[in-house]
C-alpha atoms as a PDB file:
ATOM      1  CA  UNK A   1       0.000   0.000   0.000  1.00  0.00           C
ATOM      2  CA  UNK A   2       1.245   3.480  -0.848  1.00  0.00           C
ATOM      3  CA  UNK A   3       2.353   5.562   2.120  1.00  0.00           C
ATOM      4  CA  UNK A   4       0.930   9.035   2.700  1.00  0.00           C
ATOM      5  CA  UNK A   5       2.766  12.216   3.618  1.00  0.00           C
ATOM      6  CA  UNK A   6       1.830  15.794   4.488  1.00  0.00           C
ATOM      7  CA  UNK A   7       2.650  18.968   2.619  1.00  0.00           C
ATOM      8  CA  UNK A   8       1.559  21.452   5.227  1.00  0.00           C
ATOM      9  CA  UNK A   9      -2.080  20.434   5.730  1.00  0.00           C
ATOM     10  CA  UNK A  10      -2.294  18.742   2.321  1.00  0.00           C
ATOM     11  CA  UNK A  11      -2.344  14.929   2.346  1.00  0.00           C
ATOM     12  CA  UNK A  12      -0.571  13.309  -0.635  1.00  0.00           C
ATOM     13  CA  UNK A  13       0.914  10.001  -1.742  1.00  0.00           C
ATOM     14  CA  UNK A  14       4.498   9.579  -0.499  1.00  0.00           C
ATOM     15  CA  UNK A  15       5.658   9.502  -4.126  1.00  0.00           C
ATOM     16  CA  UNK A  16       4.340  11.927  -6.714  1.00  0.00           C
ATOM     17  CA  UNK A  17       4.121  11.690 -10.496  1.00  0.00           C
ATOM     18  CA  UNK A  18       5.811  14.471 -12.436  1.00  0.00           C
ATOM     19  CA  UNK A  19       4.094  15.042 -15.767  1.00  0.00           C
ATOM     20  CA  UNK A  20       6.636  17.232 -17.605  1.00  0.00           C
ATOM     21  CA  UNK A  21       7.963  14.415 -19.809  1.00  0.00           C
ATOM     22  CA  UNK A  22       4.447  13.521 -21.017  1.00  0.00           C
ATOM     23  CA  UNK A  23       4.814  16.205 -23.676  1.00  0.00           C
ATOM     24  CA  UNK A  24       7.999  16.681 -25.760  1.00  0.00           C
ATOM     25  CA  UNK A  25      11.066  17.702 -23.763  1.00  0.00           C
ATOM     26  CA  UNK A  26      13.121  14.545 -23.193  1.00  0.00           C
ATOM     27  CA  UNK A  27      12.460  13.464 -26.742  1.00  0.00           C
ATOM     28  CA  UNK A  28       8.901  12.790 -27.939  1.00  0.00           C
ATOM     29  CA  UNK A  29       6.823  10.503 -25.705  1.00  0.00           C
ATOM     30  CA  UNK A  30       4.123   8.082 -26.830  1.00  0.00           C
ATOM     31  CA  UNK A  31       0.957  10.065 -26.019  1.00  0.00           C
ATOM     32  CA  UNK A  32      -1.194   6.966 -25.593  1.00  0.00           C
ATOM     33  CA  UNK A  33       1.259   5.450 -23.120  1.00  0.00           C
ATOM     34  CA  UNK A  34       1.590   8.746 -21.250  1.00  0.00           C
ATOM     35  CA  UNK A  35      -2.204   8.992 -21.061  1.00  0.00           C
ATOM     36  CA  UNK A  36      -2.403   5.454 -19.686  1.00  0.00           C
ATOM     37  CA  UNK A  37       0.346   6.241 -17.176  1.00  0.00           C
ATOM     38  CA  UNK A  38      -1.582   9.194 -15.780  1.00  0.00           C
ATOM     39  CA  UNK A  39      -4.734   7.125 -15.478  1.00  0.00           C
ATOM     40  CA  UNK A  40      -2.910   4.240 -13.814  1.00  0.00           C
ATOM     41  CA  UNK A  41      -1.262   6.374 -11.124  1.00  0.00           C
ATOM     42  CA  UNK A  42      -4.196   6.520  -8.662  1.00  0.00           C
ATOM     43  CA  UNK A  43      -4.883   2.816  -9.219  1.00  0.00           C
ATOM     44  CA  UNK A  44      -1.548   2.041  -7.536  1.00  0.00           C
ATOM     45  CA  UNK A  45      -1.899   4.730  -4.871  1.00  0.00           C
ATOM     46  CA  UNK A  46      -0.060   7.649  -6.505  1.00  0.00           C
ATOM     47  CA  UNK A  47      -2.590  10.476  -6.477  1.00  0.00           C
ATOM     48  CA  UNK A  48      -0.200  13.441  -6.312  1.00  0.00           C
ATOM     49  CA  UNK A  49       0.471  14.693  -9.861  1.00  0.00           C
ATOM     50  CA  UNK A  50       2.422  17.758 -10.932  1.00  0.00           C
ATOM     51  CA  UNK A  51       2.468  19.902 -14.054  1.00  0.00           C
ATOM     52  CA  UNK A  52       3.112  23.556 -14.991  1.00  0.00           C
ATOM     53  CA  UNK A  53       1.976  26.128 -17.509  1.00  0.00           C
ATOM     54  CA  UNK A  54       5.636  26.205 -18.633  1.00  0.00           C
ATOM     55  CA  UNK A  55       5.695  22.561 -19.723  1.00  0.00           C
ATOM     56  CA  UNK A  56       5.107  22.083 -23.417  1.00  0.00           C
ATOM     57  CA  UNK A  57       4.319  24.802 -25.939  1.00  0.00           C
ATOM     58  CA  UNK A  58       1.441  27.105 -24.958  1.00  0.00           C
ATOM     59  CA  UNK A  59       0.405  25.073 -21.938  1.00  0.00           C
ATOM     60  CA  UNK A  60       0.329  21.763 -23.843  1.00  0.00           C
ATOM     61  CA  UNK A  61       1.256  19.733 -20.778  1.00  0.00           C
ATOM     62  CA  UNK A  62      -1.606  21.097 -18.704  1.00  0.00           C
ATOM     63  CA  UNK A  63      -4.004  20.420 -21.573  1.00  0.00           C
ATOM     64  CA  UNK A  64      -2.746  16.847 -21.792  1.00  0.00           C
ATOM     65  CA  UNK A  65      -3.152  16.320 -18.054  1.00  0.00           C
ATOM     66  CA  UNK A  66      -6.625  17.839 -18.228  1.00  0.00           C
ATOM     67  CA  UNK A  67      -7.696  15.324 -20.862  1.00  0.00           C
ATOM     68  CA  UNK A  68      -6.314  12.411 -18.861  1.00  0.00           C
ATOM     69  CA  UNK A  69      -8.050  13.324 -15.603  1.00  0.00           C
ATOM     70  CA  UNK A  70     -11.364  14.321 -17.176  1.00  0.00           C
ATOM     71  CA  UNK A  71     -14.186  12.601 -15.312  1.00  0.00           C
ATOM     72  CA  UNK A  72     -11.650  11.387 -12.715  1.00  0.00           C
ATOM     73  CA  UNK A  73     -10.685  14.676 -11.059  1.00  0.00           C
ATOM     74  CA  UNK A  74     -11.537  13.432  -7.554  1.00  0.00           C
ATOM     75  CA  UNK A  75      -8.861  10.737  -7.809  1.00  0.00           C
ATOM     76  CA  UNK A  76      -6.002  13.248  -7.990  1.00  0.00           C
ATOM     77  CA  UNK A  77      -4.219  15.812  -5.863  1.00  0.00           C
ATOM     78  CA  UNK A  78      -3.369  18.230  -8.653  1.00  0.00           C
ATOM     79  CA  UNK A  79      -0.435  20.642  -8.556  1.00  0.00           C
ATOM     80  CA  UNK A  80       0.582  23.170 -11.163  1.00  0.00           C
ATOM     81  CA  UNK A  81       2.763  26.269 -11.341  1.00  0.00           C
ATOM     82  CA  UNK A  82       3.059  29.720 -12.874  1.00  0.00           C
ATOM     83  CA  UNK A  83       5.697  32.357 -13.489  1.00  0.00           C
ATOM     84  CA  UNK A  84       8.421  30.419 -15.310  1.00  0.00           C
ATOM     85  CA  UNK A  85       8.566  32.188 -18.674  1.00  0.00           C
ATOM     86  CA  UNK A  86      10.733  32.769 -21.704  1.00  0.00           C
ATOM     87  CA  UNK A  87      11.724  36.373 -22.321  1.00  0.00           C
ATOM     88  CA  UNK A  88      11.469  37.923 -25.816  1.00  0.00           C
ATOM     89  CA  UNK A  89      15.170  37.186 -26.386  1.00  0.00           C
ATOM     90  CA  UNK A  90      14.569  33.508 -25.608  1.00  0.00           C
ATOM     91  CA  UNK A  91      16.310  33.555 -22.232  1.00  0.00           C
ATOM     92  CA  UNK A  92      14.589  32.141 -19.119  1.00  0.00           C
ATOM     93  CA  UNK A  93      12.753  34.623 -16.922  1.00  0.00           C
ATOM     94  CA  UNK A  94      10.039  34.922 -14.310  1.00  0.00           C
ATOM     95  CA  UNK A  95       6.798  36.834 -13.916  1.00  0.00           C
ATOM     96  CA  UNK A  96       5.012  37.366 -10.639  1.00  0.00           C
ATOM     97  CA  UNK A  97       3.019  40.599 -10.777  1.00  0.00           C
ATOM     98  CA  UNK A  98      -0.485  40.217  -9.278  1.00  0.00           C
ATOM     99  CA  UNK A  99      -2.474  40.698 -12.498  1.00  0.00           C
ATOM    100  CA  UNK A 100      -0.385  38.063 -14.218  1.00  0.00           C
ATOM    101  CA  UNK A 101      -0.883  35.594 -11.351  1.00  0.00           C
ATOM    102  CA  UNK A 102      -4.655  35.872 -11.729  1.00  0.00           C
ATOM    103  CA  UNK A 103      -4.530  35.518 -15.506  1.00  0.00           C
ATOM    104  CA  UNK A 104      -2.146  32.558 -15.334  1.00  0.00           C
ATOM    105  CA  UNK A 105      -4.370  30.721 -12.865  1.00  0.00           C
ATOM    106  CA  UNK A 106      -7.490  31.208 -14.972  1.00  0.00           C
ATOM    107  CA  UNK A 107      -5.686  29.871 -18.039  1.00  0.00           C
ATOM    108  CA  UNK A 108      -4.394  26.865 -16.110  1.00  0.00           C
ATOM    109  CA  UNK A 109      -7.869  26.077 -14.810  1.00  0.00           C
ATOM    110  CA  UNK A 110      -9.232  26.129 -18.369  1.00  0.00           C
ATOM    111  CA  UNK A 111      -6.473  23.941 -19.741  1.00  0.00           C
ATOM    112  CA  UNK A 112      -6.785  21.472 -16.870  1.00  0.00           C
ATOM    113  CA  UNK A 113     -10.563  21.391 -17.138  1.00  0.00           C
ATOM    114  CA  UNK A 114     -11.057  21.872 -13.417  1.00  0.00           C
ATOM    115  CA  UNK A 115     -12.593  24.387 -11.024  1.00  0.00           C
ATOM    116  CA  UNK A 116      -9.725  24.295  -8.546  1.00  0.00           C
ATOM    117  CA  UNK A 117      -6.030  23.517  -8.184  1.00  0.00           C
ATOM    118  CA  UNK A 118      -5.024  21.622  -5.056  1.00  0.00           C
ATOM    119  CA  UNK A 119      -1.498  23.071  -4.886  1.00  0.00           C
ATOM    120  CA  UNK A 120      -0.498  26.189  -6.810  1.00  0.00           C
ATOM    121  CA  UNK A 121       3.208  27.066  -6.941  1.00  0.00           C
ATOM    122  CA  UNK A 122       5.291  30.086  -7.815  1.00  0.00           C
ATOM    123  CA  UNK A 123       7.473  28.253 -10.341  1.00  0.00           C
ATOM    124  CA  UNK A 124      10.291  30.801 -10.442  1.00  0.00           C
ATOM    125  CA  UNK A 125      10.653  33.921  -8.315  1.00  0.00           C
ATOM    126  CA  UNK A 126      10.351  37.271 -10.101  1.00  0.00           C
ATOM    127  CA  UNK A 127      12.956  39.491  -8.455  1.00  0.00           C
ATOM    128  CA  UNK A 128      11.363  42.612  -9.943  1.00  0.00           C
ATOM    129  CA  UNK A 129       8.162  42.090  -7.898  1.00  0.00           C
ATOM    130  CA  UNK A 130       8.029  41.907  -4.081  1.00  0.00           C
ATOM    131  CA  UNK A 131       7.277  38.313  -3.161  1.00  0.00           C
ATOM    132  CA  UNK A 132       4.600  39.671  -0.820  1.00  0.00           C
ATOM    133  CA  UNK A 133       2.683  40.998  -3.838  1.00  0.00           C
ATOM    134  CA  UNK A 134       2.904  37.689  -5.693  1.00  0.00           C
ATOM    135  CA  UNK A 135       1.755  35.674  -2.684  1.00  0.00           C
ATOM    136  CA  UNK A 136      -0.962  38.218  -1.964  1.00  0.00           C
ATOM    137  CA  UNK A 137      -2.451  37.544  -5.386  1.00  0.00           C
ATOM    138  CA  UNK A 138      -2.319  33.811  -4.678  1.00  0.00           C
ATOM    139  CA  UNK A 139      -4.147  34.353  -1.399  1.00  0.00           C
ATOM    140  CA  UNK A 140      -6.937  36.095  -3.278  1.00  0.00           C
ATOM    141  CA  UNK A 141      -7.164  33.091  -5.611  1.00  0.00           C
ATOM    142  CA  UNK A 142      -7.524  30.874  -2.561  1.00  0.00           C
ATOM    143  CA  UNK A 143     -10.231  33.095  -1.131  1.00  0.00           C
ATOM    144  CA  UNK A 144     -12.144  32.679  -4.404  1.00  0.00           C
ATOM    145  CA  UNK A 145     -11.809  28.895  -4.230  1.00  0.00           C
ATOM    146  CA  UNK A 146      -9.589  28.625  -7.294  1.00  0.00           C
ATOM    147  CA  UNK A 147      -6.636  27.164  -5.389  1.00  0.00           C
ATOM    148  CA  UNK A 148      -6.536  25.292  -2.086  1.00  0.00           C
ATOM    149  CA  UNK A 149      -2.893  25.347  -1.004  1.00  0.00           C
ATOM    150  CA  UNK A 150       0.054  27.566  -1.908  1.00  0.00           C
ATOM    151  CA  UNK A 151       3.601  26.602  -2.778  1.00  0.00           C
ATOM    152  CA  UNK A 152       6.876  27.970  -4.067  1.00  0.00           C
ATOM    153  CA  UNK A 153       9.673  26.455  -6.142  1.00  0.00           C
ATOM    154  CA  UNK A 154      13.453  26.939  -6.247  1.00  0.00           C
ATOM    155  CA  UNK A 155      13.446  29.888  -3.835  1.00  0.00           C
ATOM    156  CA  UNK A 156      16.121  31.043  -1.402  1.00  0.00           C
ATOM    157  CA  UNK A 157      15.749  31.106   2.381  1.00  0.00           C
ATOM    158  CA  UNK A 158      14.903  34.808   2.697  1.00  0.00           C
ATOM    159  CA  UNK A 159      12.249  34.599  -0.008  1.00  0.00           C
ATOM    160  CA  UNK A 160      10.723  31.484   1.544  1.00  0.00           C
ATOM    161  CA  UNK A 161      10.453  33.208   4.928  1.00  0.00           C
ATOM    162  CA  UNK A 162       8.856  36.298   3.427  1.00  0.00           C
ATOM    163  CA  UNK A 163       6.386  34.287   1.353  1.00  0.00           C
ATOM    164  CA  UNK A 164       5.459  32.097   4.314  1.00  0.00           C
ATOM    165  CA  UNK A 165       4.839  35.173   6.458  1.00  0.00           C
ATOM    166  CA  UNK A 166       2.163  36.397   4.036  1.00  0.00           C
ATOM    167  CA  UNK A 167       0.484  32.973   3.890  1.00  0.00           C
ATOM    168  CA  UNK A 168       1.719  29.536   4.974  1.00  0.00           C
ATOM    169  CA  UNK A 169       3.436  27.714   2.134  1.00  0.00           C
ATOM    170  CA  UNK A 170       2.239  24.109   2.016  1.00  0.00           C
ATOM    171  CA  UNK A 171       5.239  23.031  -0.019  1.00  0.00           C
ATOM    172  CA  UNK A 172       8.579  23.997  -1.430  1.00  0.00           C
ATOM    173  CA  UNK A 173       9.489  22.198  -4.651  1.00  0.00           C
ATOM    174  CA  UNK A 174      13.193  22.098  -5.409  1.00  0.00           C
ATOM    175  CA  UNK A 175      15.557  19.638  -7.056  1.00  0.00           C
ATOM    176  CA  UNK A 176      16.882  17.074  -4.585  1.00  0.00           C
ATOM    177  CA  UNK A 177      18.445  13.697  -5.211  1.00  0.00           C
ATOM    178  CA  UNK A 178      21.604  11.728  -4.539  1.00  0.00           C
ATOM    179  CA  UNK A 179      23.472  13.914  -7.018  1.00  0.00           C
ATOM    180  CA  UNK A 180      21.848  17.232  -6.038  1.00  0.00           C
ATOM    181  CA  UNK A 181      22.086  17.778  -2.277  1.00  0.00           C
ATOM    182  CA  UNK A 182      22.380  21.569  -2.079  1.00  0.00           C
ATOM    183  CA  UNK A 183      19.180  21.879  -0.016  1.00  0.00           C
ATOM    184  CA  UNK A 184      20.473  19.928   2.959  1.00  0.00           C
ATOM    185  CA  UNK A 185      22.432  22.722   4.592  1.00  0.00           C
ATOM    186  CA  UNK A 186      19.814  25.493   4.830  1.00  0.00           C
ATOM    187  CA  UNK A 187      16.632  24.794   2.870  1.00  0.00           C
ATOM    188  CA  UNK A 188      15.515  21.517   4.445  1.00  0.00           C
ATOM    189  CA  UNK A 189      16.084  22.768   8.014  1.00  0.00           C
ATOM    190  CA  UNK A 190      14.087  25.905   7.178  1.00  0.00           C
ATOM    191  CA  UNK A 191      11.185  23.836   5.832  1.00  0.00           C
ATOM    192  CA  UNK A 192      11.271  21.761   8.999  1.00  0.00           C
ATOM    193  CA  UNK A 193      11.248  24.907  11.142  1.00  0.00           C
ATOM    194  CA  UNK A 194       8.317  26.486   9.303  1.00  0.00           C
ATOM    195  CA  UNK A 195       6.279  23.327   8.737  1.00  0.00           C
ATOM    196  CA  UNK A 196       6.622  23.494   4.956  1.00  0.00           C
ATOM    197  CA  UNK A 197       6.490  20.191   3.095  1.00  0.00           C
ATOM    198  CA  UNK A 198       9.350  19.420   0.740  1.00  0.00           C
ATOM    199  CA  UNK A 199       8.746  18.089  -2.778  1.00  0.00           C
ATOM    200  CA  UNK A 200      11.906  16.763  -4.435  1.00  0.00           C
ATOM    201  CA  UNK A 201      11.774  17.072  -8.204  1.00  0.00           C
ATOM    202  CA  UNK A 202      14.193  15.190 -10.485  1.00  0.00           C
ATOM    203  CA  UNK A 203      14.760  12.539  -7.764  1.00  0.00           C
ATOM    204  CA  UNK A 204      16.335  10.269 -10.392  1.00  0.00           C
ATOM    205  CA  UNK A 205      18.634  12.937 -11.806  1.00  0.00           C
ATOM    206  CA  UNK A 206      16.528  13.221 -14.976  1.00  0.00           C
ATOM    207  CA  UNK A 207      17.124   9.545 -15.599  1.00  0.00           C
ATOM    208  CA  UNK A 208      20.881   9.487 -14.998  1.00  0.00           C
ATOM    209  CA  UNK A 209      20.524   7.737 -11.637  1.00  0.00           C
ATOM    210  CA  UNK A 210      18.557   4.908 -13.224  1.00  0.00           C
ATOM    211  CA  UNK A 211      21.766   3.733 -14.887  1.00  0.00           C
ATOM    212  CA  UNK A 212      20.039   3.658 -18.265  1.00  0.00           C
ATOM    213  CA  UNK A 213      21.220   7.043 -19.591  1.00  0.00           C
ATOM    214  CA  UNK A 214      25.054   7.165 -19.579  1.00  0.00           C
ATOM    215  CA  UNK A 215      25.623  10.481 -21.384  1.00  0.00           C
ATOM    216  CA  UNK A 216      24.176  13.056 -23.771  1.00  0.00           C
ATOM    217  CA  UNK A 217      25.225  11.078 -26.852  1.00  0.00           C
ATOM    218  CA  UNK A 218      22.801   8.323 -25.841  1.00  0.00           C
ATOM    219  CA  UNK A 219      19.860  10.737 -25.958  1.00  0.00           C
ATOM    220  CA  UNK A 220      17.640  11.750 -28.904  1.00  0.00           C
ATOM    221  CA  UNK A 221      18.673  14.903 -30.742  1.00  0.00           C
ATOM    222  CA  UNK A 222      15.600  16.762 -29.471  1.00  0.00           C
ATOM    223  CA  UNK A 223      16.191  15.813 -25.819  1.00  0.00           C
ATOM    224  CA  UNK A 224      16.698  18.838 -23.574  1.00  0.00           C
ATOM    225  CA  UNK A 225      19.159  16.941 -21.382  1.00  0.00           C
ATOM    226  CA  UNK A 226      21.757  17.293 -24.133  1.00  0.00           C
ATOM    227  CA  UNK A 227      22.159  20.912 -22.977  1.00  0.00           C
ATOM    228  CA  UNK A 228      22.677  20.009 -19.335  1.00  0.00           C
ATOM    229  CA  UNK A 229      26.318  20.012 -18.182  1.00  0.00           C
ATOM    230  CA  UNK A 230      26.043  16.863 -16.052  1.00  0.00           C
ATOM    231  CA  UNK A 231      25.230  14.766 -19.105  1.00  0.00           C
ATOM    232  CA  UNK A 232      28.137  16.061 -21.157  1.00  0.00           C
ATOM    233  CA  UNK A 233      31.591  14.617 -21.918  1.00  0.00           C
ATOM    234  CA  UNK A 234      33.950  14.344 -18.929  1.00  0.00           C
ATOM    235  CA  UNK A 235      31.196  15.306 -16.497  1.00  0.00           C
ATOM    236  CA  UNK A 236      29.090  12.339 -17.568  1.00  0.00           C
ATOM    237  CA  UNK A 237      32.067   9.986 -17.358  1.00  0.00           C
ATOM    238  CA  UNK A 238      32.789  11.104 -13.800  1.00  0.00           C
ATOM    239  CA  UNK A 239      29.140  10.899 -12.756  1.00  0.00           C
ATOM    240  CA  UNK A 240      28.717   7.462 -14.329  1.00  0.00           C
ATOM    241  CA  UNK A 241      31.336   6.089 -11.915  1.00  0.00           C
ATOM    242  CA  UNK A 242      29.086   7.150  -9.036  1.00  0.00           C
ATOM    243  CA  UNK A 243      26.098   5.457 -10.656  1.00  0.00           C
ATOM    244  CA  UNK A 244      28.059   2.201 -10.970  1.00  0.00           C
ATOM    245  CA  UNK A 245      28.355   2.153  -7.174  1.00  0.00           C
ATOM    246  CA  UNK A 246      24.627   2.893  -6.910  1.00  0.00           C
ATOM    247  CA  UNK A 247      23.979  -0.131  -9.135  1.00  0.00           C
ATOM    248  CA  UNK A 248      26.109  -2.365  -6.906  1.00  0.00           C
ATOM    249  CA  UNK A 249      24.315  -1.207  -3.766  1.00  0.00           C
ATOM    250  CA  UNK A 250      20.913  -1.675  -5.411  1.00  0.00           C
ATOM    251  CA  UNK A 251      21.817  -5.245  -6.352  1.00  0.00           C
ATOM    252  CA  UNK A 252      22.648  -5.973  -2.711  1.00  0.00           C
ATOM    253  CA  UNK A 253      19.282  -4.537  -1.647  1.00  0.00           C
ATOM    254  CA  UNK A 254      17.456  -6.559  -4.321  1.00  0.00           C
ATOM    255  CA  UNK A 255      16.042  -3.529  -6.109  1.00  0.00           C
ATOM    256  CA  UNK A 256      16.733  -1.301  -9.097  1.00  0.00           C
ATOM    257  CA  UNK A 257      19.026   1.756  -8.912  1.00  0.00           C
ATOM    258  CA  UNK A 258      15.968   3.980  -9.408  1.00  0.00           C
ATOM    259  CA  UNK A 259      14.146   2.362  -6.501  1.00  0.00           C
ATOM    260  CA  UNK A 260      17.153   2.738  -4.233  1.00  0.00           C
ATOM    261  CA  UNK A 261      17.564   6.411  -5.191  1.00  0.00           C
ATOM    262  CA  UNK A 262      13.910   7.040  -4.313  1.00  0.00           C
ATOM    263  CA  UNK A 263      14.120   4.965  -1.120  1.00  0.00           C
ATOM    264  CA  UNK A 264      17.115   7.038  -0.031  1.00  0.00           C
ATOM    265  CA  UNK A 265      15.020  10.198  -0.415  1.00  0.00           C
ATOM    266  CA  UNK A 266      12.110   8.626   1.459  1.00  0.00           C
ATOM    267  CA  UNK A 267      14.481   7.902   4.364  1.00  0.00           C
ATOM    268  CA  UNK A 268      15.554  11.534   4.765  1.00  0.00           C
ATOM    269  CA  UNK A 269      14.518  13.784   7.616  1.00  0.00           C
ATOM    270  CA  UNK A 270      12.535  15.948   7.590  1.00  0.00           C
ATOM    271  CA  UNK A 271      10.238  13.848   5.364  1.00  0.00           C
ATOM    272  CA  UNK A 272      10.491  14.382   1.614  1.00  0.00           C
ATOM    273  CA  UNK A 273       8.003  13.635  -1.171  1.00  0.00           C
ATOM    274  CA  UNK A 274       9.943  12.497  -4.266  1.00  0.00           C
ATOM    275  CA  UNK A 275       8.317  13.656  -7.497  1.00  0.00           C
ATOM    276  CA  UNK A 276       9.372  11.035 -10.004  1.00  0.00           C
ATOM    277  CA  UNK A 277       8.527  11.962 -13.568  1.00  0.00           C
ATOM    278  CA  UNK A 278       7.753   9.388 -16.234  1.00  0.00           C
ATOM    279  CA  UNK A 279       5.506   8.842 -19.238  1.00  0.00           C
ATOM    280  CA  UNK A 280       5.591   5.032 -19.032  1.00  0.00           C
ATOM    281  CA  UNK A 281       3.590   2.672 -16.848  1.00  0.00           C
ATOM    282  CA  UNK A 282       6.476   0.258 -16.317  1.00  0.00           C
ATOM    283  CA  UNK A 283       8.586   2.998 -14.711  1.00  0.00           C
ATOM    284  CA  UNK A 284       5.611   4.304 -12.730  1.00  0.00           C
ATOM    285  CA  UNK A 285       5.061   0.825 -11.293  1.00  0.00           C
ATOM    286  CA  UNK A 286       8.749   0.429 -10.512  1.00  0.00           C
ATOM    287  CA  UNK A 287       8.916   3.815  -8.798  1.00  0.00           C
ATOM    288  CA  UNK A 288       5.832   3.057  -6.695  1.00  0.00           C
ATOM    289  CA  UNK A 289       7.473  -0.111  -5.361  1.00  0.00           C
ATOM    290  CA  UNK A 290      10.253   2.012  -3.855  1.00  0.00           C
ATOM    291  CA  UNK A 291       8.077   2.649  -0.794  1.00  0.00           C
ATOM    292  CA  UNK A 292       8.618  -1.007   0.141  1.00  0.00           C
ATOM    293  CA  UNK A 293      12.397  -0.729   0.001  1.00  0.00           C
ATOM    294  CA  UNK A 294      13.945  -0.185   3.421  1.00  0.00           C
ATOM    295  CA  UNK A 295      17.689   0.085   2.770  1.00  0.00           C
ATOM    296  CA  UNK A 296      20.077  -1.097   5.447  1.00  0.00           C
ATOM    297  CA  UNK A 297      21.950   1.469   7.516  1.00  0.00           C
ATOM    298  CA  UNK A 298      25.141   0.363   5.786  1.00  0.00           C
ATOM    299  CA  UNK A 299      23.640   1.000   2.346  1.00  0.00           C
ATOM    300  CA  UNK A 300      22.349   4.432   3.333  1.00  0.00           C
ATOM    301  CA  UNK A 301      25.768   5.324   4.722  1.00  0.00           C
ATOM    302  CA  UNK A 302      27.472   4.112   1.550  1.00  0.00           C
ATOM    303  CA  UNK A 303      25.120   6.247  -0.559  1.00  0.00           C
ATOM    304  CA  UNK A 304      25.796   9.294   1.610  1.00  0.00           C
ATOM    305  CA  UNK A 305      29.531   8.820   1.239  1.00  0.00           C
ATOM    306  CA  UNK A 306      29.503   8.027  -2.485  1.00  0.00           C
ATOM    307  CA  UNK A 307      27.261  10.976  -3.333  1.00  0.00           C
ATOM    308  CA  UNK A 308      28.672  13.515  -0.898  1.00  0.00           C
ATOM    309  CA  UNK A 309      27.452  17.070  -1.551  1.00  0.00           C
ATOM    310  CA  UNK A 310      29.588  18.571  -4.286  1.00  0.00           C
ATOM    311  CA  UNK A 311      30.939  15.291  -5.671  1.00  0.00           C
ATOM    312  CA  UNK A 312      28.704  15.361  -8.752  1.00  0.00           C
ATOM    313  CA  UNK A 313      30.462  17.045 -11.671  1.00  0.00           C
ATOM    314  CA  UNK A 314      28.751  19.787 -13.694  1.00  0.00           C
ATOM    315  CA  UNK A 315      25.921  22.236 -12.998  1.00  0.00           C
ATOM    316  CA  UNK A 316      22.398  20.861 -13.034  1.00  0.00           C
ATOM    317  CA  UNK A 317      21.222  23.449 -15.611  1.00  0.00           C
ATOM    318  CA  UNK A 318      22.868  25.609 -18.293  1.00  0.00           C
ATOM    319  CA  UNK A 319      24.236  28.906 -16.950  1.00  0.00           C
ATOM    320  CA  UNK A 320      21.239  31.107 -17.852  1.00  0.00           C
ATOM    321  CA  UNK A 321      18.856  28.791 -16.013  1.00  0.00           C
ATOM    322  CA  UNK A 322      21.165  28.416 -13.013  1.00  0.00           C
ATOM    323  CA  UNK A 323      21.002  32.190 -12.600  1.00  0.00           C
ATOM    324  CA  UNK A 324      17.222  31.948 -12.040  1.00  0.00           C
ATOM    325  CA  UNK A 325      17.492  29.623  -9.020  1.00  0.00           C
ATOM    326  CA  UNK A 326      17.490  30.370  -5.308  1.00  0.00           C
ATOM    327  CA  UNK A 327      16.266  33.973  -5.527  1.00  0.00           C
END
């Protein structure tokens, strides 16, 4: 049976399903299989699903999710996000002015085919708008019944405190995995202090920690991971050596590398909700089984030592995107 965890007052499955790869980004997915994956999730206890208006062209990912959950809305805890935009010059940016927040929410509701969003996140912080103004607009959406819980993504400690002061944040969503442990020093303790749930996106290192994707050359030409430094050349070679140890430890635990990577996250304190993205039922089923894996203390220690903070080689995003994080 799937475990449950709390994001603030919001009750969710201990493992979430990230929907970003259900529309083209890591190559082109099979839409029928992605559709079936979304519909299968609640059948195996994964009701927490996550999308964004930034995924896919012109909100295509939200539209896809909306079609898949039509007539089944009550089976899902639905999260989406706003504010992660592309500037006219093509560079990544953010938008958080109050009027935009309202407009973005209304568009998301239409695309998703729902009257309410369970968890609505600030996807990227707009440093030209006081965070108090952005959150204030979200509060008004909550008062109108359009959203039920508020969240924030990839924000720094000061911004999190200020946002939480305006209205309690149910969740912070930030990258966290064996090869991305930046949050452990300040962010996780802050979430614990404030009672903010932590949602770990990219818990499998965008597939690298599964042991199936060795480097950028193994990816389709239209796969966004080709632009990510950790998948490139010498960085990938270095990081693959770490994954080989993960594979050995997983074999000892009688599970897959992906399951062990998720189980490691599930063992962390304060509690974490891994958001494992996939567009295939076989990986969804495998990820769900990770809740049954209880790694030995020796295995957890070996993982901590192998994947010490800073040991992974290469930034997790290209430089322009890295500049948008932790504001």
